[in-house]
Amino acid sequence: GIHSITRFPSDGLSTRICGTVDFIEIPAPNAVERSFAFA
């Protein structure tokens, strides 16, 4: 499930890959809303 980062610009970062969950809709783009939605 590992893929290139699309959530935020990663130019200049030494790591540009992740295993983010980008297919669940959340009302606001922050860690609390994401974590709550997954839970």
PDB file of all heavy atoms in Angstrom:
ATOM      1  N   GLY A   1       0.805  -1.212   0.000  1.00  0.00           N
ATOM      2  CA  GLY A   1       0.000   0.000   0.000  1.00  0.00           C
ATOM      3  C   GLY A   1       0.840   1.266   0.000  1.00  0.00           C
ATOM      4  O   GLY A   1       0.312   2.377   0.128  1.00  0.00           O
ATOM      5  N   ILE A   2       2.137   1.127  -0.151  1.00  0.00           N
ATOM      6  CA  ILE A   2       3.040   2.285  -0.100  1.00  0.00           C
ATOM      7  C   ILE A   2       3.043   3.010  -1.443  1.00  0.00           C
ATOM      8  O   ILE A   2       3.091   2.382  -2.506  1.00  0.00           O
ATOM      9  CB  ILE A   2       4.466   1.839   0.270  1.00  0.00           C
ATOM     10  CG1 ILE A   2       4.439   0.969   1.535  1.00  0.00           C
ATOM     11  CG2 ILE A   2       5.369   3.045   0.461  1.00  0.00           C
ATOM     12  CD1 ILE A   2       3.733   1.594   2.717  1.00  0.00           C
ATOM     13  N   HIS A   3       3.013   4.335  -1.391  1.00  0.00           N
ATOM     14  CA  HIS A   3       2.891   5.132  -2.612  1.00  0.00           C
ATOM     15  C   HIS A   3       3.561   6.493  -2.425  1.00  0.00           C
ATOM     16  O   HIS A   3       3.962   6.861  -1.316  1.00  0.00           O
ATOM     17  CB  HIS A   3       1.410   5.335  -2.947  1.00  0.00           C
ATOM     18  CG  HIS A   3       0.611   5.862  -1.786  1.00  0.00           C
ATOM     19  ND1 HIS A   3      -0.075   5.033  -0.920  1.00  0.00           N
ATOM     20  CD2 HIS A   3       0.415   7.120  -1.325  1.00  0.00           C
ATOM     21  CE1 HIS A   3      -0.671   5.759   0.015  1.00  0.00           C
ATOM     22  NE2 HIS A   3      -0.384   7.037  -0.212  1.00  0.00           N
ATOM     23  N   SER A   4       3.663   7.229  -3.509  1.00  0.00           N
ATOM     24  CA  SER A   4       4.225   8.576  -3.445  1.00  0.00           C
ATOM     25  C   SER A   4       3.264   9.507  -2.716  1.00  0.00           C
ATOM     26  O   SER A   4       2.041   9.344  -2.786  1.00  0.00           O
ATOM     27  CB  SER A   4       4.493   9.110  -4.848  1.00  0.00           C
ATOM     28  OG  SER A   4       5.463   8.322  -5.505  1.00  0.00           O
ATOM     29  N   ILE A   5       3.795  10.480  -2.018  1.00  0.00           N
ATOM     30  CA  ILE A   5       2.988  11.432  -1.265  1.00  0.00           C
ATOM     31  C   ILE A   5       2.250  12.366  -2.207  1.00  0.00           C
ATOM     32  O   ILE A   5       2.847  12.939  -3.124  1.00  0.00           O
ATOM     33  CB  ILE A   5       3.870  12.245  -0.302  1.00  0.00           C
ATOM     34  CG1 ILE A   5       4.451  11.332   0.777  1.00  0.00           C
ATOM     35  CG2 ILE A   5       3.080  13.387   0.338  1.00  0.00           C
ATOM     36  CD1 ILE A   5       5.522  11.982   1.625  1.00  0.00           C
ATOM     37  N   THR A   6       0.957  12.511  -1.980  1.00  0.00           N
ATOM     38  CA  THR A   6       0.145  13.453  -2.762  1.00  0.00           C
ATOM     39  C   THR A   6      -0.571  14.465  -1.879  1.00  0.00           C
ATOM     40  O   THR A   6      -1.085  15.459  -2.381  1.00  0.00           O
ATOM     41  CB  THR A   6      -0.914  12.702  -3.593  1.00  0.00           C
ATOM     42  OG1 THR A   6      -1.744  11.921  -2.712  1.00  0.00           O
ATOM     43  CG2 THR A   6      -0.251  11.763  -4.603  1.00  0.00           C
ATOM     44  N   ARG A   7      -0.609  14.234  -0.574  1.00  0.00           N
ATOM     45  CA  ARG A   7      -1.376  15.087   0.337  1.00  0.00           C
ATOM     46  C   ARG A   7      -0.781  16.482   0.456  1.00  0.00           C
ATOM     47  O   ARG A   7      -1.490  17.470   0.631  1.00  0.00           O
ATOM     48  CB  ARG A   7      -1.457  14.441   1.719  1.00  0.00           C
ATOM     49  CG  ARG A   7      -2.206  15.286   2.760  1.00  0.00           C
ATOM     50  CD  ARG A   7      -2.256  14.590   4.103  1.00  0.00           C
ATOM     51  NE  ARG A   7      -2.987  13.342   4.025  1.00  0.00           N
ATOM     52  CZ  ARG A   7      -2.918  12.378   4.926  1.00  0.00           C
ATOM     53  NH1 ARG A   7      -2.117  12.511   5.970  1.00  0.00           N
ATOM     54  NH2 ARG A   7      -3.623  11.273   4.787  1.00  0.00           N
ATOM     55  N   PHE A   8       0.530  16.581   0.388  1.00  0.00           N
ATOM     56  CA  PHE A   8       1.208  17.866   0.548  1.00  0.00           C
ATOM     57  C   PHE A   8       2.464  17.856  -0.320  1.00  0.00           C
ATOM     58  O   PHE A   8       2.956  16.775  -0.699  1.00  0.00           O
ATOM     59  CB  PHE A   8       1.582  18.115   2.020  1.00  0.00           C
ATOM     60  CG  PHE A   8       2.288  16.957   2.676  1.00  0.00           C
ATOM     61  CD1 PHE A   8       3.655  16.763   2.533  1.00  0.00           C
ATOM     62  CD2 PHE A   8       1.569  16.028   3.426  1.00  0.00           C
ATOM     63  CE1 PHE A   8       4.296  15.690   3.129  1.00  0.00           C
ATOM     64  CE2 PHE A   8       2.197  14.950   4.035  1.00  0.00           C
ATOM     65  CZ  PHE A   8       3.569  14.787   3.886  1.00  0.00           C
ATOM     66  N   PRO A   9       2.991  19.018  -0.658  1.00  0.00           N
ATOM     67  CA  PRO A   9       4.209  19.061  -1.476  1.00  0.00           C
ATOM     68  C   PRO A   9       5.367  18.387  -0.739  1.00  0.00           C
ATOM     69  O   PRO A   9       5.595  18.641   0.438  1.00  0.00           O
ATOM     70  CB  PRO A   9       4.465  20.570  -1.646  1.00  0.00           C
ATOM     71  CG  PRO A   9       3.151  21.221  -1.392  1.00  0.00           C
ATOM     72  CD  PRO A   9       2.465  20.368  -0.371  1.00  0.00           C
ATOM     73  N   SER A  10       6.078  17.535  -1.445  1.00  0.00           N
ATOM     74  CA  SER A  10       7.192  16.822  -0.819  1.00  0.00           C
ATOM     75  C   SER A  10       8.527  17.149  -1.486  1.00  0.00           C
ATOM     76  O   SER A  10       9.539  16.517  -1.170  1.00  0.00           O
ATOM     77  CB  SER A  10       6.944  15.312  -0.862  1.00  0.00           C
ATOM     78  OG  SER A  10       6.816  14.862  -2.196  1.00  0.00           O
ATOM     79  N   ASP A  11       8.521  18.119  -2.392  1.00  0.00           N
ATOM     80  CA  ASP A  11       9.770  18.523  -3.035  1.00  0.00           C
ATOM     81  C   ASP A  11      10.770  18.974  -1.965  1.00  0.00           C
ATOM     82  O   ASP A  11      10.435  19.740  -1.064  1.00  0.00           O
ATOM     83  CB  ASP A  11       9.530  19.678  -4.006  1.00  0.00           C
ATOM     84  CG  ASP A  11       8.597  19.282  -5.143  1.00  0.00           C
ATOM     85  OD1 ASP A  11       8.423  18.072  -5.345  1.00  0.00           O
ATOM     86  OD2 ASP A  11       8.028  20.178  -5.787  1.00  0.00           O
ATOM     87  N   GLY A  12      11.973  18.498  -2.074  1.00  0.00           N
ATOM     88  CA  GLY A  12      13.002  18.883  -1.116  1.00  0.00           C
ATOM     89  C   GLY A  12      13.087  17.973   0.087  1.00  0.00           C
ATOM     90  O   GLY A  12      14.055  18.050   0.849  1.00  0.00           O
ATOM     91  N   LEU A  13      12.101  17.109   0.290  1.00  0.00           N
ATOM     92  CA  LEU A  13      12.159  16.161   1.399  1.00  0.00           C
ATOM     93  C   LEU A  13      12.979  14.944   0.988  1.00  0.00           C
ATOM     94  O   LEU A  13      12.915  14.502  -0.159  1.00  0.00           O
ATOM     95  CB  LEU A  13      10.757  15.712   1.804  1.00  0.00           C
ATOM     96  CG  LEU A  13       9.811  16.781   2.364  1.00  0.00           C
ATOM     97  CD1 LEU A  13       8.466  16.168   2.709  1.00  0.00           C
ATOM     98  CD2 LEU A  13      10.405  17.454   3.587  1.00  0.00           C
ATOM     99  N   SER A  14      13.732  14.391   1.918  1.00  0.00           N
ATOM    100  CA  SER A  14      14.534  13.216   1.579  1.00  0.00           C
ATOM    101  C   SER A  14      13.656  11.981   1.404  1.00  0.00           C
ATOM    102  O   SER A  14      14.002  11.063   0.661  1.00  0.00           O
ATOM    103  CB  SER A  14      15.592  12.972   2.657  1.00  0.00           C
ATOM    104  OG  SER A  14      14.990  12.847   3.929  1.00  0.00           O
ATOM    105  N   THR A  15      12.509  11.941   2.093  1.00  0.00           N
ATOM    106  CA  THR A  15      11.541  10.857   1.929  1.00  0.00           C
ATOM    107  C   THR A  15      10.268  11.421   1.314  1.00  0.00           C
ATOM    108  O   THR A  15       9.676  12.359   1.845  1.00  0.00           O
ATOM    109  CB  THR A  15      11.208  10.201   3.281  1.00  0.00           C
ATOM    110  OG1 THR A  15      12.385   9.532   3.769  1.00  0.00           O
ATOM    111  CG2 THR A  15      10.084   9.195   3.137  1.00  0.00           C
ATOM    112  N   ARG A  16       9.841  10.831   0.194  1.00  0.00           N
ATOM    113  CA  ARG A  16       8.660  11.333  -0.518  1.00  0.00           C
ATOM    114  C   ARG A  16       7.635  10.228  -0.752  1.00  0.00           C
ATOM    115  O   ARG A  16       6.844  10.286  -1.680  1.00  0.00           O
ATOM    116  CB  ARG A  16       9.094  11.960  -1.855  1.00  0.00           C
ATOM    117  CG  ARG A  16      10.067  13.126  -1.682  1.00  0.00           C
ATOM    118  CD  ARG A  16      10.388  13.816  -2.992  1.00  0.00           C
ATOM    119  NE  ARG A  16      11.074  12.941  -3.932  1.00  0.00           N
ATOM    120  CZ  ARG A  16      12.371  12.669  -3.898  1.00  0.00           C
ATOM    121  NH1 ARG A  16      13.152  13.209  -2.961  1.00  0.00           N
ATOM    122  NH2 ARG A  16      12.923  11.859  -4.789  1.00  0.00           N
ATOM    123  N   ILE A  17       7.676   9.214   0.115  1.00  0.00           N
ATOM    124  CA  ILE A  17       6.742   8.088   0.019  1.00  0.00           C
ATOM    125  C   ILE A  17       6.092   7.863   1.375  1.00  0.00           C
ATOM    126  O   ILE A  17       6.610   8.301   2.415  1.00  0.00           O
ATOM    127  CB  ILE A  17       7.451   6.792  -0.425  1.00  0.00           C
ATOM    128  CG1 ILE A  17       8.614   6.471   0.525  1.00  0.00           C
ATOM    129  CG2 ILE A  17       7.938   6.920  -1.864  1.00  0.00           C
ATOM    130  CD1 ILE A  17       9.288   5.165   0.258  1.00  0.00           C
ATOM    131  N   CYS A  18       4.951   7.174   1.373  1.00  0.00           N
ATOM    132  CA  CYS A  18       4.227   6.962   2.624  1.00  0.00           C
ATOM    133  C   CYS A  18       3.167   5.877   2.425  1.00  0.00           C
ATOM    134  O   CYS A  18       2.976   5.380   1.314  1.00  0.00           O
ATOM    135  CB  CYS A  18       3.553   8.259   3.076  1.00  0.00           C
ATOM    136  SG  CYS A  18       2.309   8.826   1.886  1.00  0.00           S
ATOM    137  N   GLY A  19       2.470   5.591   3.508  1.00  0.00           N
ATOM    138  CA  GLY A  19       1.330   4.680   3.442  1.00  0.00           C
ATOM    139  C   GLY A  19       0.092   5.380   3.966  1.00  0.00           C
ATOM    140  O   GLY A  19      -0.604   4.854   4.828  1.00  0.00           O
ATOM    141  N   THR A  20      -0.179   6.580   3.460  1.00  0.00           N
ATOM    142  CA  THR A  20      -1.321   7.348   3.946  1.00  0.00           C
ATOM    143  C   THR A  20      -2.644   6.729   3.504  1.00  0.00           C
ATOM    144  O   THR A  20      -2.728   6.006   2.517  1.00  0.00           O
ATOM    145  CB  THR A  20      -1.265   8.802   3.448  1.00  0.00           C
ATOM    146  OG1 THR A  20      -1.069   8.807   2.033  1.00  0.00           O
ATOM    147  CG2 THR A  20      -0.156   9.570   4.110  1.00  0.00           C
ATOM    148  N   VAL A  21      -3.680   7.049   4.279  1.00  0.00           N
ATOM    149  CA  VAL A  21      -5.054   6.658   3.955  1.00  0.00           C
ATOM    150  C   VAL A  21      -5.740   7.888   3.387  1.00  0.00           C
ATOM    151  O   VAL A  21      -6.079   8.813   4.123  1.00  0.00           O
ATOM    152  CB  VAL A  21      -5.788   6.146   5.206  1.00  0.00           C
ATOM    153  CG1 VAL A  21      -7.256   5.858   4.888  1.00  0.00           C
ATOM    154  CG2 VAL A  21      -5.100   4.897   5.749  1.00  0.00           C
ATOM    155  N   ASP A  22      -5.914   7.902   2.080  1.00  0.00           N
ATOM    156  CA  ASP A  22      -6.433   9.097   1.403  1.00  0.00           C
ATOM    157  C   ASP A  22      -7.828   8.882   0.818  1.00  0.00           C
ATOM    158  O   ASP A  22      -8.317   9.727   0.073  1.00  0.00           O
ATOM    159  CB  ASP A  22      -5.470   9.519   0.281  1.00  0.00           C
ATOM    160  CG  ASP A  22      -4.083   9.875   0.809  1.00  0.00           C
ATOM    161  OD1 ASP A  22      -4.020  10.551   1.850  1.00  0.00           O
ATOM    162  OD2 ASP A  22      -3.080   9.466   0.195  1.00  0.00           O
ATOM    163  N   PHE A  23      -8.472   7.761   1.162  1.00  0.00           N
ATOM    164  CA  PHE A  23      -9.746   7.433   0.508  1.00  0.00           C
ATOM    165  C   PHE A  23     -10.946   7.588   1.446  1.00  0.00           C
ATOM    166  O   PHE A  23     -12.054   7.221   1.079  1.00  0.00           O
ATOM    167  CB  PHE A  23      -9.694   5.995  -0.038  1.00  0.00           C
ATOM    168  CG  PHE A  23      -9.104   4.996   0.916  1.00  0.00           C
ATOM    169  CD1 PHE A  23      -9.861   4.450   1.934  1.00  0.00           C
ATOM    170  CD2 PHE A  23      -7.773   4.610   0.791  1.00  0.00           C
ATOM    171  CE1 PHE A  23      -9.322   3.535   2.817  1.00  0.00           C
ATOM    172  CE2 PHE A  23      -7.221   3.690   1.676  1.00  0.00           C
ATOM    173  CZ  PHE A  23      -7.998   3.154   2.687  1.00  0.00           C
ATOM    174  N   ILE A  24     -10.718   8.111   2.657  1.00  0.00           N
ATOM    175  CA  ILE A  24     -11.822   8.381   3.578  1.00  0.00           C
ATOM    176  C   ILE A  24     -12.008   9.885   3.673  1.00  0.00           C
ATOM    177  O   ILE A  24     -11.069  10.623   3.993  1.00  0.00           O
ATOM    178  CB  ILE A  24     -11.557   7.772   4.965  1.00  0.00           C
ATOM    179  CG1 ILE A  24     -11.551   6.243   4.866  1.00  0.00           C
ATOM    180  CG2 ILE A  24     -12.612   8.225   5.982  1.00  0.00           C
ATOM    181  CD1 ILE A  24     -11.237   5.545   6.168  1.00  0.00           C
ATOM    182  N   GLU A  25     -13.200  10.347   3.419  1.00  0.00           N
ATOM    183  CA  GLU A  25     -13.461  11.787   3.397  1.00  0.00           C
ATOM    184  C   GLU A  25     -13.453  12.349   4.816  1.00  0.00           C
ATOM    185  O   GLU A  25     -14.044  11.786   5.735  1.00  0.00           O
ATOM    186  CB  GLU A  25     -14.818  12.062   2.740  1.00  0.00           C
ATOM    187  CG  GLU A  25     -15.106  13.542   2.525  1.00  0.00           C
ATOM    188  CD  GLU A  25     -16.397  13.778   1.753  1.00  0.00           C
ATOM    189  OE1 GLU A  25     -16.896  12.829   1.116  1.00  0.00           O
ATOM    190  OE2 GLU A  25     -16.904  14.902   1.796  1.00  0.00           O
ATOM    191  N   ILE A  26     -12.770  13.466   4.998  1.00  0.00           N
ATOM    192  CA  ILE A  26     -12.745  14.138   6.298  1.00  0.00           C
ATOM    193  C   ILE A  26     -13.126  15.604   6.104  1.00  0.00           C
ATOM    194  O   ILE A  26     -12.880  16.187   5.040  1.00  0.00           O
ATOM    195  CB  ILE A  26     -11.365  14.038   6.973  1.00  0.00           C
ATOM    196  CG1 ILE A  26     -10.280  14.671   6.092  1.00  0.00           C
ATOM    197  CG2 ILE A  26     -11.009  12.598   7.289  1.00  0.00           C
ATOM    198  CD1 ILE A  26      -8.955  14.834   6.790  1.00  0.00           C
ATOM    199  N   PRO A  27     -13.737  16.209   7.122  1.00  0.00           N
ATOM    200  CA  PRO A  27     -14.207  17.588   6.955  1.00  0.00           C
ATOM    201  C   PRO A  27     -13.115  18.643   7.013  1.00  0.00           C
ATOM    202  O   PRO A  27     -13.294  19.747   6.503  1.00  0.00           O
ATOM    203  CB  PRO A  27     -15.190  17.760   8.119  1.00  0.00           C
ATOM    204  CG  PRO A  27     -14.720  16.788   9.149  1.00  0.00           C
ATOM    205  CD  PRO A  27     -14.167  15.616   8.386  1.00  0.00           C
ATOM    206  N   ALA A  28     -12.003  18.330   7.662  1.00  0.00           N
ATOM    207  CA  ALA A  28     -10.918  19.306   7.777  1.00  0.00           C
ATOM    208  C   ALA A  28      -9.583  18.573   7.690  1.00  0.00           C
ATOM    209  O   ALA A  28      -9.434  17.492   8.245  1.00  0.00           O
ATOM    210  CB  ALA A  28     -11.017  20.068   9.094  1.00  0.00           C
ATOM    211  N   PRO A  29      -8.609  19.155   6.991  1.00  0.00           N
ATOM    212  CA  PRO A  29      -7.334  18.462   6.757  1.00  0.00           C
ATOM    213  C   PRO A  29      -6.374  18.582   7.935  1.00  0.00           C
ATOM    214  O   PRO A  29      -5.370  19.290   7.877  1.00  0.00           O
ATOM    215  CB  PRO A  29      -6.791  19.180   5.518  1.00  0.00           C
ATOM    216  CG  PRO A  29      -7.311  20.583   5.649  1.00  0.00           C
ATOM    217  CD  PRO A  29      -8.666  20.457   6.289  1.00  0.00           C
ATOM    218  N   ASN A  30      -6.663  17.864   9.024  1.00  0.00           N
ATOM    219  CA  ASN A  30      -5.712  17.855  10.127  1.00  0.00           C
ATOM    220  C   ASN A  30      -5.677  16.468  10.762  1.00  0.00           C
ATOM    221  O   ASN A  30      -6.548  15.622  10.522  1.00  0.00           O
ATOM    222  CB  ASN A  30      -6.034  18.934  11.167  1.00  0.00           C
ATOM    223  CG  ASN A  30      -7.385  18.744  11.832  1.00  0.00           C
ATOM    224  OD1 ASN A  30      -7.615  17.735  12.490  1.00  0.00           O
ATOM    225  ND2 ASN A  30      -8.283  19.701  11.652  1.00  0.00           N
ATOM    226  N   ALA A  31      -4.646  16.241  11.583  1.00  0.00           N
ATOM    227  CA  ALA A  31      -4.406  14.904  12.125  1.00  0.00           C
ATOM    228  C   ALA A  31      -5.534  14.418  13.021  1.00  0.00           C
ATOM    229  O   ALA A  31      -5.848  13.221  13.057  1.00  0.00           O
ATOM    230  CB  ALA A  31      -3.086  14.894  12.900  1.00  0.00           C
ATOM    231  N   VAL A  32      -6.166  15.329  13.762  1.00  0.00           N
ATOM    232  CA  VAL A  32      -7.258  14.915  14.651  1.00  0.00           C
ATOM    233  C   VAL A  32      -8.459  14.435  13.846  1.00  0.00           C
ATOM    234  O   VAL A  32      -9.041  13.388  14.139  1.00  0.00           O
ATOM    235  CB  VAL A  32      -7.655  16.076  15.591  1.00  0.00           C
ATOM    236  CG1 VAL A  32      -8.996  15.796  16.273  1.00  0.00           C
ATOM    237  CG2 VAL A  32      -6.585  16.277  16.643  1.00  0.00           C
ATOM    238  N   GLU A  33      -8.837  15.177  12.822  1.00  0.00           N
ATOM    239  CA  GLU A  33      -9.985  14.774  12.007  1.00  0.00           C
ATOM    240  C   GLU A  33      -9.717  13.467  11.283  1.00  0.00           C
ATOM    241  O   GLU A  33     -10.591  12.608  11.189  1.00  0.00           O
ATOM    242  CB  GLU A  33     -10.348  15.873  11.002  1.00  0.00           C
ATOM    243  CG  GLU A  33     -11.011  17.082  11.620  1.00  0.00           C
ATOM    244  CD  GLU A  33     -12.394  16.789  12.182  1.00  0.00           C
ATOM    245  OE1 GLU A  33     -12.965  15.726  11.878  1.00  0.00           O
ATOM    246  OE2 GLU A  33     -12.906  17.625  12.944  1.00  0.00           O
ATOM    247  N   ARG A  34      -8.502  13.310  10.767  1.00  0.00           N
ATOM    248  CA  ARG A  34      -8.162  12.058  10.096  1.00  0.00           C
ATOM    249  C   ARG A  34      -8.208  10.894  11.081  1.00  0.00           C
ATOM    250  O   ARG A  34      -8.803   9.848  10.814  1.00  0.00           O
ATOM    251  CB  ARG A  34      -6.782  12.151   9.446  1.00  0.00           C
ATOM    252  CG  ARG A  34      -6.747  12.952   8.152  1.00  0.00           C
ATOM    253  CD  ARG A  34      -5.431  12.754   7.420  1.00  0.00           C
ATOM    254  NE  ARG A  34      -4.291  13.276   8.164  1.00  0.00           N
ATOM    255  CZ  ARG A  34      -3.837  14.519   8.077  1.00  0.00           C
ATOM    256  NH1 ARG A  34      -4.456  15.391   7.281  1.00  0.00           N
ATOM    257  NH2 ARG A  34      -2.799  14.915   8.779  1.00  0.00           N
ATOM    258  N   SER A  35      -7.570  11.084  12.226  1.00  0.00           N
ATOM    259  CA  SER A  35      -7.508  10.009  13.218  1.00  0.00           C
ATOM    260  C   SER A  35      -8.905   9.651  13.718  1.00  0.00           C
ATOM    261  O   SER A  35      -9.222   8.460  13.911  1.00  0.00           O
ATOM    262  CB  SER A  35      -6.613  10.424  14.389  1.00  0.00           C
ATOM    263  OG  SER A  35      -5.285  10.669  13.957  1.00  0.00           O
ATOM    264  N   PHE A  36      -9.747  10.646  13.929  1.00  0.00           N
ATOM    265  CA  PHE A  36     -11.117  10.368  14.363  1.00  0.00           C
ATOM    266  C   PHE A  36     -11.880   9.606  13.282  1.00  0.00           C
ATOM    267  O   PHE A  36     -12.586   8.631  13.579  1.00  0.00           O
ATOM    268  CB  PHE A  36     -11.861  11.665  14.707  1.00  0.00           C
ATOM    269  CG  PHE A  36     -13.340  11.453  14.899  1.00  0.00           C
ATOM    270  CD1 PHE A  36     -13.823  10.785  16.016  1.00  0.00           C
ATOM    271  CD2 PHE A  36     -14.251  11.883  13.947  1.00  0.00           C
ATOM    272  CE1 PHE A  36     -15.181  10.551  16.182  1.00  0.00           C
ATOM    273  CE2 PHE A  36     -15.613  11.660  14.111  1.00  0.00           C
ATOM    274  CZ  PHE A  36     -16.078  10.995  15.231  1.00  0.00           C
ATOM    275  N   ALA A  37     -11.753  10.051  12.033  1.00  0.00           N
ATOM    276  CA  ALA A  37     -12.491   9.389  10.949  1.00  0.00           C
ATOM    277  C   ALA A  37     -12.086   7.932  10.809  1.00  0.00           C
ATOM    278  O   ALA A  37     -12.942   7.047  10.646  1.00  0.00           O
ATOM    279  CB  ALA A  37     -12.252  10.135   9.632  1.00  0.00           C
ATOM    280  N   PHE A  38     -10.792   7.639  10.903  1.00  0.00           N
ATOM    281  CA  PHE A  38     -10.337   6.253  10.799  1.00  0.00           C
ATOM    282  C   PHE A  38     -10.893   5.425  11.966  1.00  0.00           C
ATOM    283  O   PHE A  38     -11.378   4.293  11.778  1.00  0.00           O
ATOM    284  CB  PHE A  38      -8.802   6.175  10.812  1.00  0.00           C
ATOM    285  CG  PHE A  38      -8.116   6.963   9.736  1.00  0.00           C
ATOM    286  CD1 PHE A  38      -6.764   7.279   9.851  1.00  0.00           C
ATOM    287  CD2 PHE A  38      -8.798   7.415   8.615  1.00  0.00           C
ATOM    288  CE1 PHE A  38      -6.111   7.994   8.877  1.00  0.00           C
ATOM    289  CE2 PHE A  38      -8.150   8.153   7.627  1.00  0.00           C
ATOM    290  CZ  PHE A  38      -6.805   8.445   7.764  1.00  0.00           C
ATOM    291  N   ALA A  39     -10.813   5.986  13.175  1.00  0.00           N
ATOM    292  CA  ALA A  39     -11.302   5.268  14.357  1.00  0.00           C
ATOM    293  C   ALA A  39     -12.808   5.038  14.282  1.00  0.00           C
ATOM    294  O   ALA A  39     -13.308   3.963  14.654  1.00  0.00           O
ATOM    295  CB  ALA A  39     -10.947   6.047  15.620  1.00  0.00           C
TER     296      ALA A  39
END
